[in-house]
C-alpha atoms as a PDB file:
ATOM      1  CA  MET A   1     -49.830 -37.173 -67.185  1.00  0.00           C
ATOM      2  CA  ASN A   2     -47.594 -33.957 -69.273  1.00  0.00           C
ATOM      3  CA  VAL A   3     -49.745 -31.341 -67.106  1.00  0.00           C
ATOM      4  CA  LEU A   4     -48.517 -33.747 -63.599  1.00  0.00           C
ATOM      5  CA  MET A   5     -45.073 -33.449 -64.944  1.00  0.00           C
ATOM      6  CA  ASP A   6     -45.157 -29.768 -65.959  1.00  0.00           C
ATOM      7  CA  LEU A   7     -46.528 -28.996 -61.995  1.00  0.00           C
ATOM      8  CA  LEU A   8     -44.107 -30.667 -60.888  1.00  0.00           C
ATOM      9  CA  PHE A   9     -41.752 -28.743 -62.485  1.00  0.00           C
ATOM     10  CA  PHE A  10     -42.908 -25.950 -61.482  1.00  0.00           C
ATOM     11  CA  GLY A  11     -43.116 -27.036 -57.878  1.00  0.00           C
ATOM     12  CA  PHE A  12     -39.331 -27.931 -57.955  1.00  0.00           C
ATOM     13  CA  LEU A  13     -38.889 -24.562 -59.387  1.00  0.00           C
ATOM     14  CA  VAL A  14     -40.989 -22.406 -57.107  1.00  0.00           C
ATOM     15  CA  LEU A  15     -38.940 -24.475 -54.120  1.00  0.00           C
ATOM     16  CA  THR A  16     -35.940 -23.296 -55.721  1.00  0.00           C
ATOM     17  CA  MET A  17     -36.057 -20.257 -55.977  1.00  0.00           C
ATOM     18  CA  ALA A  18     -38.772 -18.893 -52.336  1.00  0.00           C
ATOM     19  CA  GLY A  19     -35.259 -20.723 -51.071  1.00  0.00           C
ATOM     20  CA  ALA A  20     -33.113 -18.364 -52.738  1.00  0.00           C
ATOM     21  CA  LEU A  21     -35.126 -15.543 -51.803  1.00  0.00           C
ATOM     22  CA  LEU A  22     -35.163 -16.642 -48.302  1.00  0.00           C
ATOM     23  CA  ALA A  23     -31.638 -16.805 -48.421  1.00  0.00           C
ATOM     24  CA  VAL A  24     -31.316 -13.748 -49.189  1.00  0.00           C
ATOM     25  CA  ARG A  25     -33.314 -11.653 -47.951  1.00  0.00           C
ATOM     26  CA  ALA A  26     -33.126 -13.495 -44.079  1.00  0.00           C
ATOM     27  CA  GLY A  27     -32.186 -11.040 -41.012  1.00  0.00           C
ATOM     28  CA  VAL A  28     -30.566 -14.695 -39.009  1.00  0.00           C
ATOM     29  CA  LEU A  29     -27.633 -16.100 -41.158  1.00  0.00           C
ATOM     30  CA  MET A  30     -29.229 -19.143 -39.872  1.00  0.00           C
ATOM     31  CA  HIS A  31     -31.711 -18.332 -41.783  1.00  0.00           C
ATOM     32  CA  ALA A  32     -29.676 -17.770 -44.994  1.00  0.00           C
ATOM     33  CA  VAL A  33     -28.344 -21.001 -44.329  1.00  0.00           C
ATOM     34  CA  LEU A  34     -31.913 -22.999 -44.203  1.00  0.00           C
ATOM     35  CA  GLY A  35     -32.963 -20.548 -47.300  1.00  0.00           C
ATOM     36  CA  LEU A  36     -29.942 -21.988 -49.160  1.00  0.00           C
ATOM     37  CA  ALA A  37     -30.442 -25.471 -48.971  1.00  0.00           C
ATOM     38  CA  VAL A  38     -34.239 -25.295 -49.483  1.00  0.00           C
ATOM     39  CA  SER A  39     -33.148 -23.751 -52.522  1.00  0.00           C
ATOM     40  CA  LEU A  40     -30.578 -26.567 -53.435  1.00  0.00           C
ATOM     41  CA  LEU A  41     -33.326 -29.573 -52.242  1.00  0.00           C
ATOM     42  CA  GLY A  42     -35.076 -27.609 -55.054  1.00  0.00           C
ATOM     43  CA  VAL A  43     -32.296 -28.441 -57.277  1.00  0.00           C
ATOM     44  CA  ALA A  44     -32.078 -31.484 -56.794  1.00  0.00           C
ATOM     45  CA  GLY A  45     -35.936 -31.565 -57.286  1.00  0.00           C
ATOM     46  CA  LEU A  46     -34.937 -30.999 -60.909  1.00  0.00           C
ATOM     47  CA  TYR A  47     -32.280 -33.267 -61.444  1.00  0.00           C
ATOM     48  CA  LEU A  48     -34.689 -35.739 -60.315  1.00  0.00           C
ATOM     49  CA  TYR A  49     -37.050 -34.256 -62.878  1.00  0.00           C
ATOM     50  CA  LEU A  50     -34.956 -34.590 -65.736  1.00  0.00           C
ATOM     51  CA  GLY A  51     -33.736 -37.862 -64.569  1.00  0.00           C
ATOM     52  CA  SER A  52     -30.778 -38.349 -63.033  1.00  0.00           C
ATOM     53  CA  PRO A  53     -31.544 -40.619 -59.338  1.00  0.00           C
ATOM     54  CA  PHE A  54     -27.001 -39.987 -59.513  1.00  0.00           C
ATOM     55  CA  LEU A  55     -26.995 -36.478 -59.765  1.00  0.00           C
ATOM     56  CA  THR A  56     -29.937 -35.832 -57.459  1.00  0.00           C
ATOM     57  CA  LEU A  57     -27.893 -38.063 -54.641  1.00  0.00           C
ATOM     58  CA  MET A  58     -24.984 -36.449 -55.312  1.00  0.00           C
ATOM     59  CA  GLN A  59     -26.863 -32.744 -54.978  1.00  0.00           C
ATOM     60  CA  VAL A  60     -28.860 -33.909 -51.362  1.00  0.00           C
ATOM     61  CA  LEU A  61     -25.455 -35.911 -49.895  1.00  0.00           C
ATOM     62  CA  ILE A  62     -22.226 -33.504 -50.897  1.00  0.00           C
ATOM     63  CA  TYR A  63     -24.524 -29.946 -50.816  1.00  0.00           C
ATOM     64  CA  VAL A  64     -27.709 -30.223 -48.940  1.00  0.00           C
ATOM     65  CA  GLY A  65     -25.717 -32.516 -46.590  1.00  0.00           C
ATOM     66  CA  ALA A  66     -22.286 -31.726 -45.881  1.00  0.00           C
ATOM     67  CA  ILE A  67     -21.350 -27.675 -46.973  1.00  0.00           C
ATOM     68  CA  CYS A  68     -24.817 -27.019 -45.440  1.00  0.00           C
ATOM     69  CA  VAL A  69     -23.966 -28.962 -42.149  1.00  0.00           C
ATOM     70  CA  VAL A  70     -20.393 -26.839 -42.388  1.00  0.00           C
ATOM     71  CA  LEU A  71     -22.014 -23.949 -42.721  1.00  0.00           C
ATOM     72  CA  VAL A  72     -24.061 -24.422 -39.336  1.00  0.00           C
ATOM     73  CA  PHE A  73     -20.662 -25.257 -37.985  1.00  0.00           C
ATOM     74  CA  GLY A  74     -18.919 -22.915 -38.774  1.00  0.00           C
ATOM     75  CA  ILE A  75     -21.770 -19.728 -38.075  1.00  0.00           C
ATOM     76  CA  MET A  76     -22.119 -21.918 -33.966  1.00  0.00           C
ATOM     77  CA  VAL A  77     -18.480 -21.877 -33.502  1.00  0.00           C
ATOM     78  CA  GLY A  78     -18.124 -18.302 -34.979  1.00  0.00           C
ATOM     79  CA  TYR A  79     -21.400 -16.309 -33.595  1.00  0.00           C
ATOM     80  CA  THR A  80     -20.753 -13.972 -30.578  1.00  0.00           C
ATOM     81  CA  PRO A  81     -24.328 -13.641 -29.083  1.00  0.00           C
ATOM     82  CA  ASN A  82     -23.572  -9.551 -28.540  1.00  0.00           C
ATOM     83  CA  GLU A  83     -23.866  -9.380 -32.902  1.00  0.00           C
ATOM     84  CA  VAL A  84     -26.968  -7.984 -34.215  1.00  0.00           C
ATOM     85  CA  ALA A  85     -27.769  -8.658 -38.084  1.00  0.00           C
ATOM     86  CA  GLU A  86     -28.367  -5.704 -39.832  1.00  0.00           C
ATOM     87  CA  LYS A  87     -31.105  -5.127 -42.073  1.00  0.00           C
ATOM     88  CA  VAL A  88     -30.455  -3.736 -45.420  1.00  0.00           C
ATOM     89  CA  PRO A  89     -33.345  -1.349 -46.659  1.00  0.00           C
ATOM     90  CA  MET A  90     -34.817  -1.608 -50.308  1.00  0.00           C
ATOM     91  CA  GLY A  91     -33.370   0.987 -52.145  1.00  0.00           C
ATOM     92  CA  ARG A  92     -35.629   2.910 -54.330  1.00  0.00           C
ATOM     93  CA  TYR A  93     -34.364   1.471 -58.097  1.00  0.00           C
ATOM     94  CA  ALA A  94     -34.610  -2.662 -56.405  1.00  0.00           C
ATOM     95  CA  PHE A  95     -37.441  -3.288 -58.791  1.00  0.00           C
ATOM     96  CA  LEU A  96     -35.936  -1.278 -61.521  1.00  0.00           C
ATOM     97  CA  GLY A  97     -32.311  -3.727 -61.008  1.00  0.00           C
ATOM     98  CA  LEU A  98     -34.481  -6.464 -60.442  1.00  0.00           C
ATOM     99  CA  VAL A  99     -36.224  -6.158 -64.219  1.00  0.00           C
ATOM    100  CA  ALA A 100     -32.809  -4.678 -66.180  1.00  0.00           C
ATOM    101  CA  SER A 101     -31.003  -8.301 -64.083  1.00  0.00           C
ATOM    102  CA  GLY A 102     -34.415 -10.823 -65.439  1.00  0.00           C
ATOM    103  CA  ALA A 103     -34.525  -8.587 -69.115  1.00  0.00           C
ATOM    104  CA  ALA A 104     -30.419  -9.645 -69.143  1.00  0.00           C
ATOM    105  CA  ALA A 105     -30.810 -12.859 -67.981  1.00  0.00           C
ATOM    106  CA  PHE A 106     -33.304 -13.895 -70.362  1.00  0.00           C
ATOM    107  CA  PHE A 107     -31.599 -11.591 -73.589  1.00  0.00           C
ATOM    108  CA  LEU A 108     -28.690 -14.555 -73.097  1.00  0.00           C
ATOM    109  CA  MET A 109     -30.340 -17.301 -72.548  1.00  0.00           C
ATOM    110  CA  VAL A 110     -32.157 -16.679 -76.000  1.00  0.00           C
ATOM    111  CA  MET A 111     -28.594 -15.876 -77.144  1.00  0.00           C
ATOM    112  CA  VAL A 112     -27.434 -19.150 -76.274  1.00  0.00           C
ATOM    113  CA  ILE A 113     -30.259 -21.123 -77.134  1.00  0.00           C
ATOM    114  CA  GLY A 114     -30.358 -19.796 -80.458  1.00  0.00           C
ATOM    115  CA  GLN A 115     -26.700 -20.100 -80.995  1.00  0.00           C
ATOM    116  CA  THR A 116     -26.310 -23.727 -79.895  1.00  0.00           C
ATOM    117  CA  ASP A 117     -26.260 -26.480 -82.440  1.00  0.00           C
ATOM    118  CA  TRP A 118     -28.612 -28.722 -81.582  1.00  0.00           C
ATOM    119  CA  VAL A 119     -27.821 -32.441 -82.090  1.00  0.00           C
ATOM    120  CA  PRO A 120     -29.315 -35.623 -80.915  1.00  0.00           C
ATOM    121  CA  ALA A 121     -28.271 -37.285 -78.032  1.00  0.00           C
ATOM    122  CA  ALA A 122     -25.459 -40.174 -78.529  1.00  0.00           C
ATOM    123  CA  GLU A 123     -26.138 -43.250 -77.858  1.00  0.00           C
ATOM    124  CA  ARG A 124     -24.853 -44.924 -73.873  1.00  0.00           C
ATOM    125  CA  LEU A 125     -21.595 -45.692 -74.341  1.00  0.00           C
ATOM    126  CA  GLY A 126     -20.636 -48.639 -72.302  1.00  0.00           C
ATOM    127  CA  ASP A 127     -22.331 -49.515 -69.144  1.00  0.00           C
ATOM    128  CA  PHE A 128     -22.567 -46.718 -66.985  1.00  0.00           C
ATOM    129  CA  SER A 129     -23.558 -46.890 -63.091  1.00  0.00           C
ATOM    130  CA  ILE A 130     -23.305 -45.445 -59.680  1.00  0.00           C
ATOM    131  CA  GLU A 131     -21.514 -48.589 -59.318  1.00  0.00           C
ATOM    132  CA  HIS A 132     -18.621 -47.679 -61.971  1.00  0.00           C
ATOM    133  CA  VAL A 133     -18.665 -43.967 -60.082  1.00  0.00           C
ATOM    134  CA  GLY A 134     -17.736 -45.742 -56.779  1.00  0.00           C
ATOM    135  CA  LYS A 135     -15.719 -48.351 -58.067  1.00  0.00           C
ATOM    136  CA  GLY A 136     -13.294 -45.384 -60.054  1.00  0.00           C
ATOM    137  CA  LEU A 137     -13.312 -43.103 -57.168  1.00  0.00           C
ATOM    138  CA  LEU A 138     -12.032 -45.706 -54.541  1.00  0.00           C
ATOM    139  CA  LEU A 139      -9.749 -47.582 -57.093  1.00  0.00           C
ATOM    140  CA  THR A 140      -8.839 -45.248 -59.935  1.00  0.00           C
ATOM    141  CA  TRP A 141      -8.149 -41.740 -58.017  1.00  0.00           C
ATOM    142  CA  CYS A 142      -7.941 -42.978 -54.414  1.00  0.00           C
ATOM    143  CA  LEU A 143      -4.954 -40.739 -54.016  1.00  0.00           C
ATOM    144  CA  ALA A 144      -7.076 -37.977 -55.325  1.00  0.00           C
ATOM    145  CA  PHE A 145      -9.834 -38.535 -52.630  1.00  0.00           C
ATOM    146  CA  GLU A 146      -7.997 -39.139 -49.578  1.00  0.00           C
ATOM    147  CA  MET A 147      -5.881 -35.758 -50.835  1.00  0.00           C
ATOM    148  CA  ILE A 148      -9.154 -34.239 -50.630  1.00  0.00           C
ATOM    149  CA  SER A 149      -9.644 -35.308 -47.831  1.00  0.00           C
ATOM    150  CA  VAL A 150      -7.164 -34.199 -46.427  1.00  0.00           C
ATOM    151  CA  VAL A 151      -7.230 -30.659 -47.255  1.00  0.00           C
ATOM    152  CA  LEU A 152     -10.930 -30.636 -46.092  1.00  0.00           C
ATOM    153  CA  LEU A 153      -9.160 -31.977 -42.915  1.00  0.00           C
ATOM    154  CA  VAL A 154      -7.227 -29.044 -42.567  1.00  0.00           C
ATOM    155  CA  ALA A 155      -9.356 -26.464 -43.642  1.00  0.00           C
ATOM    156  CA  ILE A 156     -11.801 -27.232 -40.458  1.00  0.00           C
ATOM    157  CA  VAL A 157      -8.963 -27.519 -38.695  1.00  0.00           C
ATOM    158  CA  GLY A 158      -8.267 -23.733 -39.824  1.00  0.00           C
ATOM    159  CA  ALA A 159     -11.391 -22.837 -39.613  1.00  0.00           C
ATOM    160  CA  ILE A 160     -12.031 -23.780 -35.719  1.00  0.00           C
ATOM    161  CA  ILE A 161      -8.405 -22.035 -34.484  1.00  0.00           C
ATOM    162  CA  LEU A 162      -8.934 -18.323 -36.244  1.00  0.00           C
ATOM    163  CA  ALA A 163     -12.743 -18.995 -35.130  1.00  0.00           C
ATOM    164  CA  ARG A 164     -11.491 -20.104 -31.579  1.00  0.00           C
ATOM    165  CA  GLY A 165      -8.918 -16.774 -31.753  1.00  0.00           C
ATOM    166  CA  GLY A 166     -10.177 -14.330 -30.873  1.00  0.00           C
ATOM    167  CA  ARG A 167     -12.200 -15.164 -27.462  1.00  0.00           C
ATOM    168  CA  GLU A 168     -11.326 -15.959 -24.197  1.00  0.00           C
ATOM    169  CA  GLU A 169     -10.862 -18.964 -22.241  1.00  0.00           C
ATOM    170  CA  VAL A 170     -13.910 -19.645 -19.722  1.00  0.00           C
ATOM    171  CA  ASN A 171     -12.502 -21.606 -16.570  1.00  0.00           C
ATOM    172  CA  PRO A 172     -15.200 -23.578 -15.310  1.00  0.00           C
END
């Protein structure tokens, strides 16, 4: 059972890293968004592995569902067929940079783990469920929730206006 859980963890880890690599190295912008979506799905799988179905659901709904769809929408609205993506060549020092950043990340992780005062998890305080989160969003925090939706609507309308500003009108 433990080996299966380890394989599941490393599977989600590989999915996350492969998506991130695709997002960074893709020559086409749509492929980069696809890589981002795959990477975010891998992170959602890691949340599920850690036993948090609520975070998994929020990751899939908000990041994969909403953010990636908005990015695809923005690409489709602002794309002009004459644009060609430039491939950035990998320099001679790319491998050295990768090793240096990996070593720095490892060093920081060791420092954080060594300096953290680890305490056992506290007992759950009250009943926590998705139902309580929903009631909190729609009853207690309703005004803030609606204000965020208005801000997002204004941002989307502004992006559409900015994207269409440079195009000529086509008369059918």
